[in-house]
N, C-alpha and C. Protein backbone atom coordinates (compact mmCIF):
# COMPACT_ATOMS: atom_id res chain seq x y z
N MET A 1 26.77 -34.00 -4.62
CA MET A 1 26.93 -35.08 -4.99
C MET A 1 27.67 -36.16 -3.69
N ALA A 2 26.87 -37.19 -3.49
CA ALA A 2 27.33 -38.07 -2.59
C ALA A 2 28.44 -38.36 -2.83
N LYS A 3 29.45 -39.18 -2.32
CA LYS A 3 30.90 -39.72 -2.36
C LYS A 3 30.85 -40.96 -3.28
N THR A 4 29.74 -41.52 -3.01
CA THR A 4 29.22 -42.81 -3.93
C THR A 4 29.27 -42.36 -5.43
N ASP A 5 28.35 -41.12 -5.67
CA ASP A 5 28.02 -40.61 -6.97
C ASP A 5 29.29 -39.96 -7.78
N PHE A 6 29.98 -40.00 -7.22
CA PHE A 6 31.48 -39.16 -7.97
C PHE A 6 31.84 -40.41 -8.91
N PRO A 7 32.27 -39.80 -10.12
CA PRO A 7 32.64 -40.99 -11.26
C PRO A 7 34.03 -42.05 -10.34
N GLY A 8 34.77 -40.87 -9.74
CA GLY A 8 35.90 -41.80 -9.50
C GLY A 8 37.14 -41.37 -10.22
N TRP A 9 38.46 -41.58 -9.61
CA TRP A 9 39.45 -41.32 -10.41
C TRP A 9 40.12 -42.68 -10.78
N HIS A 10 40.50 -42.80 -12.04
CA HIS A 10 41.07 -44.23 -12.11
C HIS A 10 42.22 -43.89 -13.17
N GLY A 11 43.03 -45.11 -12.69
CA GLY A 11 44.34 -44.86 -13.50
C GLY A 11 45.53 -45.23 -13.08
N THR A 12 46.54 -45.22 -13.76
CA THR A 12 47.85 -45.77 -13.01
C THR A 12 47.93 -47.23 -13.22
N THR A 13 49.47 -47.35 -13.74
CA THR A 13 49.94 -48.46 -13.74
C THR A 13 51.24 -48.21 -13.37
N ILE A 14 51.69 -48.95 -12.39
CA ILE A 14 53.19 -48.84 -11.72
C ILE A 14 54.03 -50.29 -11.76
N ILE A 15 54.91 -50.65 -11.94
CA ILE A 15 55.54 -51.57 -12.29
C ILE A 15 57.08 -51.65 -11.41
N GLY A 16 57.50 -52.86 -10.87
CA GLY A 16 58.69 -52.68 -10.40
C GLY A 16 59.51 -54.04 -10.73
N VAL A 17 60.69 -53.91 -11.22
CA VAL A 17 61.35 -55.09 -11.54
C VAL A 17 62.72 -55.19 -11.14
N LYS A 18 63.33 -56.16 -10.52
CA LYS A 18 64.35 -56.29 -9.93
C LYS A 18 65.28 -57.60 -10.77
N LYS A 19 66.46 -56.96 -11.56
CA LYS A 19 67.03 -57.66 -12.51
C LYS A 19 68.62 -57.16 -12.68
N GLY A 20 69.33 -58.30 -12.98
CA GLY A 20 70.79 -58.33 -13.24
C GLY A 20 71.05 -57.16 -12.42
N GLY A 21 70.98 -56.96 -11.04
CA GLY A 21 71.59 -56.05 -10.03
C GLY A 21 71.05 -54.36 -10.13
N GLU A 22 69.98 -54.42 -10.76
CA GLU A 22 69.19 -53.19 -10.78
C GLU A 22 67.56 -53.33 -10.48
N VAL A 23 66.94 -52.47 -9.92
CA VAL A 23 65.54 -52.09 -9.45
C VAL A 23 65.02 -51.23 -10.71
N VAL A 24 64.04 -51.02 -11.53
CA VAL A 24 63.53 -50.20 -12.40
C VAL A 24 62.16 -50.06 -12.08
N ILE A 25 61.73 -48.91 -11.35
CA ILE A 25 60.51 -48.73 -11.17
C ILE A 25 59.83 -47.67 -12.80
N ALA A 26 58.59 -48.06 -13.17
CA ALA A 26 58.16 -47.48 -13.93
C ALA A 26 56.82 -47.11 -13.98
N GLY A 27 56.21 -45.69 -14.34
CA GLY A 27 54.68 -45.67 -14.23
C GLY A 27 54.08 -44.95 -15.47
N ASP A 28 53.20 -45.18 -15.71
CA ASP A 28 52.55 -44.85 -16.65
C ASP A 28 52.11 -43.35 -16.25
N GLY A 29 51.54 -42.26 -17.34
CA GLY A 29 51.46 -40.84 -16.84
C GLY A 29 49.81 -40.41 -17.20
N GLN A 30 48.63 -41.68 -17.05
CA GLN A 30 47.37 -41.39 -17.17
C GLN A 30 46.49 -40.76 -16.30
N VAL A 31 45.95 -39.95 -16.11
CA VAL A 31 45.03 -39.81 -14.67
C VAL A 31 43.28 -39.80 -15.49
N SER A 32 42.53 -40.27 -15.06
CA SER A 32 41.22 -40.55 -15.87
C SER A 32 40.36 -40.15 -14.82
N LEU A 33 39.30 -39.49 -14.88
CA LEU A 33 37.89 -38.87 -14.20
C LEU A 33 36.73 -39.76 -14.89
N GLY A 34 36.53 -40.74 -14.28
CA GLY A 34 35.39 -41.60 -14.89
C GLY A 34 35.89 -41.96 -16.18
N GLN A 35 35.33 -41.69 -17.22
CA GLN A 35 35.35 -42.26 -18.56
C GLN A 35 36.57 -41.29 -19.27
N THR A 36 37.04 -40.08 -18.68
CA THR A 36 37.72 -38.82 -19.12
C THR A 36 39.22 -38.97 -18.97
N VAL A 37 39.88 -38.67 -19.95
CA VAL A 37 41.09 -38.60 -19.28
C VAL A 37 41.41 -36.91 -19.09
N ILE A 38 42.07 -36.72 -18.08
CA ILE A 38 42.31 -35.62 -17.50
C ILE A 38 43.83 -35.08 -17.88
N LYS A 39 44.30 -35.90 -17.66
CA LYS A 39 45.65 -35.58 -17.89
C LYS A 39 46.52 -36.87 -18.12
N GLY A 40 47.62 -36.75 -19.31
CA GLY A 40 48.12 -37.75 -19.78
C GLY A 40 49.98 -37.91 -19.51
N THR A 41 50.22 -36.63 -18.83
CA THR A 41 51.65 -36.72 -18.42
C THR A 41 52.08 -36.57 -16.99
N ALA A 42 51.39 -37.25 -16.29
CA ALA A 42 51.32 -37.12 -14.65
C ALA A 42 52.86 -37.93 -14.29
N ARG A 43 53.45 -37.48 -13.46
CA ARG A 43 54.54 -38.40 -12.94
C ARG A 43 54.52 -38.74 -11.73
N LYS A 44 54.14 -40.06 -11.91
CA LYS A 44 54.39 -40.99 -10.48
C LYS A 44 55.01 -42.18 -9.87
N VAL A 45 56.28 -41.72 -10.48
CA VAL A 45 57.39 -42.22 -9.90
C VAL A 45 58.67 -40.87 -9.42
N ARG A 46 59.03 -41.37 -8.46
CA ARG A 46 59.94 -40.05 -7.87
C ARG A 46 61.19 -40.92 -7.38
N ARG A 47 62.35 -39.94 -7.15
CA ARG A 47 63.32 -40.44 -6.63
C ARG A 47 63.39 -39.52 -5.54
N LEU A 48 63.85 -40.22 -4.40
CA LEU A 48 63.62 -39.86 -2.79
C LEU A 48 65.46 -39.42 -2.76
N LYS A 49 65.62 -38.83 -1.56
CA LYS A 49 66.93 -38.76 -1.29
C LYS A 49 67.09 -38.59 0.10
N PRO A 50 66.41 -39.01 1.28
CA PRO A 50 66.34 -38.79 2.47
C PRO A 50 67.81 -39.14 3.01
N GLY A 51 68.38 -38.33 3.93
CA GLY A 51 69.44 -38.67 4.71
C GLY A 51 70.62 -39.12 3.53
N GLY A 52 70.61 -38.68 2.34
CA GLY A 52 71.81 -38.97 1.45
C GLY A 52 71.78 -40.66 0.96
N HIS A 53 70.40 -41.28 1.16
CA HIS A 53 70.21 -42.56 0.81
C HIS A 53 69.22 -42.66 -0.08
N GLU A 54 69.52 -43.00 -1.59
CA GLU A 54 68.55 -42.96 -2.51
C GLU A 54 67.34 -43.89 -2.36
N VAL A 55 66.13 -43.53 -2.78
CA VAL A 55 65.03 -44.47 -2.99
C VAL A 55 63.89 -44.10 -3.71
N VAL A 56 63.54 -45.17 -4.69
CA VAL A 56 62.64 -44.71 -5.74
C VAL A 56 61.84 -45.51 -5.38
N ALA A 57 60.49 -44.18 -5.96
CA ALA A 57 59.23 -44.59 -5.19
C ALA A 57 58.22 -44.52 -6.32
N GLY A 58 57.37 -45.40 -6.62
CA GLY A 58 55.89 -45.36 -7.42
C GLY A 58 54.58 -45.45 -6.59
N PHE A 59 53.69 -44.83 -7.04
CA PHE A 59 52.43 -44.66 -6.41
C PHE A 59 51.34 -44.74 -7.33
N ALA A 60 50.07 -45.21 -6.83
CA ALA A 60 48.84 -45.33 -7.42
C ALA A 60 47.88 -45.11 -6.46
N GLY A 61 46.84 -44.34 -6.79
CA GLY A 61 46.01 -43.96 -5.97
C GLY A 61 45.91 -42.52 -5.94
N SER A 62 45.11 -41.71 -4.95
CA SER A 62 44.78 -40.32 -4.98
C SER A 62 46.39 -39.62 -4.90
N THR A 63 46.68 -38.70 -5.84
CA THR A 63 47.79 -38.29 -5.61
C THR A 63 48.17 -37.40 -4.53
N ALA A 64 47.48 -36.84 -3.88
CA ALA A 64 47.52 -36.12 -2.51
C ALA A 64 47.83 -37.20 -1.37
N ASP A 65 47.31 -38.25 -1.42
CA ASP A 65 47.34 -38.94 -0.32
C ASP A 65 48.80 -39.65 -0.58
N ALA A 66 49.17 -39.85 -1.81
CA ALA A 66 50.12 -40.67 -2.18
C ALA A 66 51.55 -39.64 -1.85
N PHE A 67 51.36 -38.49 -2.17
CA PHE A 67 52.48 -37.36 -1.71
C PHE A 67 52.42 -37.43 -0.18
N THR A 68 51.36 -37.51 0.63
CA THR A 68 51.14 -37.67 2.36
C THR A 68 52.33 -38.82 2.81
N LEU A 69 52.20 -39.98 1.95
CA LEU A 69 52.73 -41.04 2.32
C LEU A 69 54.25 -41.16 2.22
N LEU A 70 54.39 -40.45 0.77
CA LEU A 70 55.91 -40.51 0.46
C LEU A 70 56.75 -39.52 1.54
N GLU A 71 56.04 -38.25 1.74
CA GLU A 71 56.34 -37.47 2.91
C GLU A 71 57.04 -38.18 4.24
N ARG A 72 55.84 -38.83 4.35
CA ARG A 72 56.06 -39.90 6.00
C ARG A 72 57.40 -41.06 5.56
N LEU A 73 57.20 -41.44 4.70
CA LEU A 73 58.23 -42.37 4.34
C LEU A 73 59.63 -41.56 4.32
N GLU A 74 59.65 -40.66 3.64
CA GLU A 74 61.07 -39.84 4.03
C GLU A 74 61.28 -39.78 5.27
N THR A 75 60.81 -39.35 6.12
CA THR A 75 60.71 -39.04 7.41
C THR A 75 61.29 -40.62 8.39
N LYS A 76 60.60 -41.63 7.70
CA LYS A 76 60.67 -42.69 8.39
C LYS A 76 62.12 -43.15 8.12
N LEU A 77 62.40 -42.87 6.65
CA LEU A 77 64.16 -43.06 6.00
C LEU A 77 64.81 -42.26 6.71
N GLU A 78 64.55 -41.15 7.19
CA GLU A 78 65.83 -40.21 7.86
C GLU A 78 65.74 -40.54 9.39
N ALA A 79 64.66 -41.37 9.80
CA ALA A 79 64.99 -41.45 11.17
C ALA A 79 65.96 -43.33 11.10
N THR A 80 65.63 -43.81 10.30
CA THR A 80 66.42 -45.15 10.00
C THR A 80 67.55 -45.32 8.60
N PRO A 81 68.41 -44.18 8.54
CA PRO A 81 68.86 -44.25 7.35
C PRO A 81 69.37 -45.63 6.90
N GLY A 82 69.16 -45.83 5.42
CA GLY A 82 69.59 -46.93 4.91
C GLY A 82 68.79 -48.17 5.25
N GLN A 83 67.74 -48.22 6.10
CA GLN A 83 66.79 -49.45 6.54
C GLN A 83 65.61 -48.92 6.04
N LEU A 84 65.35 -49.61 4.45
CA LEU A 84 64.26 -49.45 3.43
C LEU A 84 63.12 -50.31 4.41
N ALA A 85 63.36 -51.46 4.70
CA ALA A 85 62.44 -52.20 5.33
C ALA A 85 61.95 -51.73 6.55
N ARG A 86 62.54 -51.40 7.42
CA ARG A 86 62.20 -50.97 8.57
C ARG A 86 61.17 -49.67 8.58
N ALA A 87 61.69 -48.80 7.73
CA ALA A 87 60.79 -47.99 7.74
C ALA A 87 59.45 -47.97 7.00
N SER A 88 59.63 -48.82 5.82
CA SER A 88 58.46 -49.28 5.16
C SER A 88 57.77 -50.11 6.46
N VAL A 89 57.86 -50.75 7.11
CA VAL A 89 57.08 -51.28 8.05
C VAL A 89 56.65 -50.15 9.29
N GLU A 90 57.37 -49.22 9.59
CA GLU A 90 56.86 -48.13 10.33
C GLU A 90 55.96 -47.33 9.67
N LEU A 91 55.74 -47.34 8.19
CA LEU A 91 55.19 -46.45 7.61
C LEU A 91 53.53 -47.29 7.55
N ALA A 92 53.93 -48.35 7.31
CA ALA A 92 52.70 -49.33 7.21
C ALA A 92 51.73 -49.35 8.50
N LYS A 93 52.69 -49.66 9.89
CA LYS A 93 51.83 -49.56 10.96
C LYS A 93 51.10 -47.91 11.35
N ASP A 94 51.75 -47.15 11.24
CA ASP A 94 51.12 -45.55 11.30
C ASP A 94 49.85 -45.71 10.11
N TRP A 95 50.13 -46.22 9.04
CA TRP A 95 49.04 -45.95 8.08
C TRP A 95 47.60 -46.60 8.36
N ARG A 96 48.11 -47.98 9.09
CA ARG A 96 46.80 -48.47 9.79
C ARG A 96 46.17 -48.30 10.92
N THR A 97 47.29 -47.60 11.86
CA THR A 97 46.77 -47.09 13.17
C THR A 97 46.02 -45.69 13.30
N ASP A 98 46.79 -44.86 12.44
CA ASP A 98 46.48 -43.61 12.58
C ASP A 98 45.26 -43.36 11.85
N LYS A 99 44.13 -42.51 12.69
CA LYS A 99 43.02 -41.97 12.04
C LYS A 99 42.83 -41.33 10.75
N TYR A 100 43.92 -40.57 10.96
CA TYR A 100 43.93 -39.35 9.77
C TYR A 100 44.40 -40.10 8.43
N LEU A 101 45.73 -41.21 8.66
CA LEU A 101 46.45 -41.77 7.73
C LEU A 101 45.40 -43.03 7.13
N GLN A 102 44.38 -43.71 8.03
CA GLN A 102 43.76 -44.60 7.49
C GLN A 102 42.55 -44.02 6.33
N LYS A 103 42.41 -42.73 6.31
CA LYS A 103 41.26 -42.39 5.02
C LYS A 103 42.32 -42.32 3.87
N LEU A 104 43.62 -42.53 3.76
CA LEU A 104 44.47 -42.38 2.56
C LEU A 104 44.07 -43.06 1.65
N GLU A 105 44.12 -43.23 0.18
CA GLU A 105 43.89 -44.07 -0.69
C GLU A 105 44.99 -43.99 -1.63
N ALA A 106 45.89 -45.08 -1.55
CA ALA A 106 46.91 -45.04 -2.41
C ALA A 106 47.88 -46.36 -1.97
N MET A 107 48.65 -46.59 -2.98
CA MET A 107 49.51 -47.91 -2.73
C MET A 107 50.98 -47.70 -3.40
N LEU A 108 52.15 -47.87 -2.59
CA LEU A 108 53.53 -47.53 -3.07
C LEU A 108 54.22 -48.81 -3.45
N ILE A 109 55.35 -48.74 -4.63
CA ILE A 109 56.07 -49.66 -4.61
C ILE A 109 57.19 -48.87 -4.08
N VAL A 110 58.33 -49.31 -3.53
CA VAL A 110 59.40 -48.98 -3.03
C VAL A 110 60.66 -49.44 -3.24
N SER A 111 62.01 -49.04 -3.86
CA SER A 111 63.07 -49.90 -3.82
C SER A 111 64.24 -48.78 -3.29
N ASP A 112 65.24 -49.10 -2.69
CA ASP A 112 66.64 -49.15 -2.96
C ASP A 112 67.70 -49.46 -3.57
N GLY A 113 67.16 -50.33 -4.29
CA GLY A 113 68.13 -51.07 -5.30
C GLY A 113 68.34 -52.19 -4.75
N ALA A 114 68.41 -52.61 -3.62
CA ALA A 114 68.71 -54.01 -2.89
C ALA A 114 67.21 -54.71 -2.64
N ASP A 115 65.96 -54.17 -2.22
CA ASP A 115 64.70 -54.79 -1.89
C ASP A 115 64.18 -53.86 -2.56
N ILE A 116 62.86 -54.48 -2.75
CA ILE A 116 61.72 -53.92 -3.21
C ILE A 116 60.45 -54.15 -2.42
N PHE A 117 59.36 -53.54 -2.32
CA PHE A 117 58.17 -53.50 -1.39
C PHE A 117 57.09 -53.00 -1.84
N VAL A 118 55.97 -53.46 -1.74
CA VAL A 118 54.76 -52.66 -2.20
C VAL A 118 54.28 -52.43 -0.51
N ILE A 119 53.75 -51.45 -0.41
CA ILE A 119 53.38 -50.71 0.99
C ILE A 119 51.82 -50.44 0.65
N THR A 120 51.12 -50.86 1.30
CA THR A 120 49.47 -50.83 1.48
C THR A 120 48.90 -50.22 2.78
N GLY A 121 48.04 -49.59 3.11
CA GLY A 121 46.99 -48.91 3.64
C GLY A 121 46.43 -50.24 4.78
N ALA A 122 46.67 -51.14 4.44
CA ALA A 122 46.09 -52.46 5.14
C ALA A 122 47.26 -53.01 6.25
N GLY A 123 48.06 -52.29 6.12
CA GLY A 123 49.44 -52.67 7.10
C GLY A 123 50.31 -53.83 6.10
N ASP A 124 50.31 -53.94 5.20
CA ASP A 124 51.16 -54.76 4.25
C ASP A 124 52.43 -54.18 3.98
N VAL A 125 53.70 -54.78 3.89
CA VAL A 125 54.70 -54.82 3.45
C VAL A 125 55.28 -55.97 2.66
N LEU A 126 54.93 -55.94 1.17
CA LEU A 126 55.19 -57.09 0.78
C LEU A 126 56.28 -57.42 -0.31
N GLU A 127 56.92 -58.21 -0.07
CA GLU A 127 58.19 -58.31 -0.99
C GLU A 127 58.07 -59.30 -2.28
N PRO A 128 57.84 -58.62 -3.19
CA PRO A 128 57.35 -59.62 -4.29
C PRO A 128 58.13 -60.98 -4.68
N GLU A 129 57.25 -61.84 -5.17
CA GLU A 129 57.75 -63.42 -5.76
C GLU A 129 58.11 -63.00 -6.90
N HIS A 130 59.55 -63.65 -7.37
CA HIS A 130 59.78 -63.42 -8.92
C HIS A 130 60.26 -62.36 -9.17
N ASN A 131 60.52 -61.31 -8.25
CA ASN A 131 61.48 -60.32 -8.69
C ASN A 131 60.88 -59.09 -9.41
N VAL A 132 59.50 -59.15 -9.42
CA VAL A 132 58.41 -58.18 -10.14
C VAL A 132 57.09 -57.96 -9.60
N THR A 133 56.67 -56.72 -9.42
CA THR A 133 55.58 -56.23 -8.75
C THR A 133 54.84 -55.31 -9.37
N ALA A 134 53.35 -55.24 -9.56
CA ALA A 134 52.81 -53.91 -9.91
C ALA A 134 51.34 -53.66 -9.47
N ILE A 135 51.44 -52.55 -9.65
CA ILE A 135 49.99 -51.84 -8.84
C ILE A 135 49.56 -51.13 -9.85
N GLY A 136 48.28 -50.75 -9.31
CA GLY A 136 47.27 -49.89 -9.98
C GLY A 136 46.07 -50.58 -11.15
N SER A 137 45.68 -50.00 -11.81
CA SER A 137 44.29 -50.49 -12.66
C SER A 137 44.98 -51.29 -13.68
N GLY A 138 46.25 -51.25 -14.16
CA GLY A 138 46.59 -52.18 -15.25
C GLY A 138 47.83 -52.98 -14.95
N GLY A 139 47.81 -52.79 -13.34
CA GLY A 139 49.15 -53.77 -12.57
C GLY A 139 48.97 -55.26 -12.93
N ASN A 140 47.61 -55.83 -13.10
CA ASN A 140 48.02 -57.24 -13.28
C ASN A 140 48.33 -57.60 -14.60
N PHE A 141 47.94 -56.64 -15.38
CA PHE A 141 48.50 -56.89 -16.68
C PHE A 141 49.90 -56.71 -16.71
N ALA A 142 50.29 -55.85 -16.52
CA ALA A 142 51.89 -55.65 -16.40
C ALA A 142 52.76 -56.33 -15.63
N LEU A 143 51.90 -56.90 -14.70
CA LEU A 143 52.87 -58.12 -14.01
C LEU A 143 52.49 -59.09 -14.80
N ALA A 144 51.88 -59.65 -15.19
CA ALA A 144 51.71 -61.08 -15.83
C ALA A 144 52.62 -60.93 -17.49
N ALA A 145 52.72 -59.63 -17.95
CA ALA A 145 53.65 -59.42 -18.92
C ALA A 145 55.15 -59.55 -18.65
N ALA A 146 55.15 -59.13 -17.36
CA ALA A 146 56.64 -59.12 -16.88
C ALA A 146 57.30 -60.25 -16.31
N ARG A 147 56.54 -61.06 -15.66
CA ARG A 147 56.45 -62.34 -15.27
C ARG A 147 57.03 -63.55 -16.38
N GLY A 148 56.56 -62.95 -17.52
CA GLY A 148 56.71 -63.53 -18.69
C GLY A 148 57.78 -63.64 -19.20
N MET A 149 58.55 -62.55 -19.07
CA MET A 149 59.75 -62.11 -20.01
C MET A 149 61.04 -62.09 -18.70
N MET A 150 60.71 -62.31 -17.45
CA MET A 150 61.86 -62.41 -16.65
C MET A 150 62.99 -63.66 -16.95
N ASP A 151 62.69 -64.39 -17.33
CA ASP A 151 63.79 -65.44 -17.89
C ASP A 151 64.46 -65.00 -19.24
N SER A 152 63.80 -64.04 -19.78
CA SER A 152 64.47 -63.91 -21.36
C SER A 152 65.95 -62.89 -21.00
N ASP A 153 66.52 -62.70 -22.02
CA ASP A 153 67.69 -61.74 -21.74
C ASP A 153 67.66 -60.55 -21.60
N ARG A 154 66.34 -59.84 -21.54
CA ARG A 154 66.15 -58.19 -21.49
C ARG A 154 66.05 -57.73 -20.00
N SER A 155 67.00 -56.77 -19.84
CA SER A 155 67.37 -55.75 -18.76
C SER A 155 65.90 -55.80 -18.37
N ALA A 156 66.32 -55.29 -16.76
CA ALA A 156 65.24 -54.85 -15.89
C ALA A 156 64.74 -53.55 -16.37
N GLU A 157 65.10 -52.78 -17.25
CA GLU A 157 64.32 -51.76 -17.84
C GLU A 157 63.59 -52.13 -19.46
N GLN A 158 64.12 -52.67 -19.91
CA GLN A 158 63.41 -53.44 -21.11
C GLN A 158 61.97 -54.18 -20.54
N VAL A 159 62.33 -55.18 -19.93
CA VAL A 159 61.06 -55.92 -19.12
C VAL A 159 60.18 -54.71 -18.72
N ALA A 160 60.53 -53.64 -17.77
CA ALA A 160 59.46 -52.90 -17.33
C ALA A 160 58.80 -52.30 -18.73
N ARG A 161 59.61 -51.48 -19.51
CA ARG A 161 58.93 -50.83 -20.60
C ARG A 161 58.06 -51.73 -21.18
N ASP A 162 58.71 -52.95 -21.62
CA ASP A 162 57.58 -53.89 -22.53
C ASP A 162 56.53 -54.22 -21.89
N ALA A 163 56.16 -54.41 -20.44
CA ALA A 163 55.20 -54.91 -19.79
C ALA A 163 53.99 -53.86 -19.50
N MET A 164 54.87 -52.64 -19.34
CA MET A 164 53.92 -51.31 -19.70
C MET A 164 53.15 -51.21 -20.98
N ALA A 165 54.05 -51.38 -22.19
CA ALA A 165 53.38 -51.20 -23.26
C ALA A 165 52.25 -52.28 -23.50
N ILE A 166 52.23 -53.48 -23.02
CA ILE A 166 51.43 -54.51 -22.98
C ILE A 166 50.33 -54.08 -22.30
N ALA A 167 50.30 -53.57 -21.06
CA ALA A 167 49.32 -52.99 -20.16
C ALA A 167 48.35 -51.97 -20.81
N ALA A 168 49.47 -50.97 -21.19
CA ALA A 168 48.83 -49.70 -21.72
C ALA A 168 48.30 -50.39 -23.27
N ASP A 169 48.25 -51.56 -23.48
CA ASP A 169 47.33 -51.74 -25.13
C ASP A 169 45.97 -52.60 -24.22
N ILE A 170 46.16 -52.86 -23.09
CA ILE A 170 44.76 -53.74 -22.77
C ILE A 170 43.94 -52.56 -21.88
N CYS A 171 44.71 -52.11 -20.82
CA CYS A 171 43.89 -51.25 -19.42
C CYS A 171 43.83 -49.65 -20.46
N VAL A 172 42.54 -49.62 -20.49
CA VAL A 172 42.05 -48.11 -20.97
C VAL A 172 42.55 -47.05 -20.07
N TYR A 173 42.76 -47.22 -18.46
CA TYR A 173 43.47 -46.12 -17.79
C TYR A 173 44.49 -46.24 -17.26
N THR A 174 45.18 -46.74 -18.59
CA THR A 174 46.83 -46.81 -18.51
C THR A 174 47.74 -46.27 -19.94
N ASN A 175 48.47 -45.53 -19.73
CA ASN A 175 49.04 -45.10 -21.23
C ASN A 175 50.51 -45.33 -21.52
N GLY A 176 50.79 -44.94 -22.54
CA GLY A 176 52.19 -45.32 -22.51
C GLY A 176 53.19 -44.29 -22.27
N ARG A 177 53.03 -43.18 -22.19
CA ARG A 177 53.96 -42.21 -21.56
C ARG A 177 54.24 -42.55 -20.06
N LEU A 178 55.95 -42.80 -20.10
CA LEU A 178 56.28 -43.60 -19.01
C LEU A 178 57.31 -42.67 -18.33
N THR A 179 57.57 -42.71 -17.14
CA THR A 179 58.49 -42.23 -16.04
C THR A 179 59.31 -43.61 -15.42
N VAL A 180 60.27 -43.40 -16.04
CA VAL A 180 61.19 -44.57 -15.64
C VAL A 180 62.39 -44.08 -14.98
N GLU A 181 62.43 -44.99 -13.38
CA GLU A 181 63.83 -44.83 -12.52
C GLU A 181 64.52 -45.76 -12.40
N LYS A 182 65.47 -46.02 -12.44
CA LYS A 182 66.75 -46.97 -12.29
C LYS A 182 67.53 -46.99 -11.07
N ILE A 183 67.32 -47.90 -10.15
CA ILE A 183 68.62 -47.95 -8.82
C ILE A 183 69.32 -48.97 -8.70
N SER A 184 70.39 -48.76 -8.25
CA SER A 184 71.44 -50.32 -7.79
C SER A 184 71.82 -50.53 -6.54
N ALA A 185 71.83 -51.51 -6.10
CA ALA A 185 72.16 -51.61 -4.42
C ALA A 185 73.65 -50.92 -4.17
């Protein structure tokens, strides 16, 4: 079967919300192959502790590729303790220029509680406007919903949970089984 004939993995919605002195990253648990749900309880949000500095990361895309990137991010964070922006830029540079890493298909949302970034294989390290960002197949639905709630009295966690519920109602590649991690500066 040619690569273009493969039905393709779809799924994942990851959201990051920064509000009230904390950052929440939440991700759904669905993994789909074509139109079939392969797994409904995947854990796509992780807590990393390189060098004693906590970072929360969520990923969309190929799981093996995302784990490779998370390992590289941990290495960068160990080399630059407490400097998430610098480690993220170094990872993005490697990802864009290294022939092996260039083939990786994933995106990351990372936060140390003070900053929140989206890291892409195009060499981007993006700090979101409006303190909310989302990636994955249902990312635009979750992002729009969260942006609409940011001025409410909801906590960061409640905004993330409510936005993910809306995304799960709209996107067939997103479910309501969430992994939620909070981190404060």
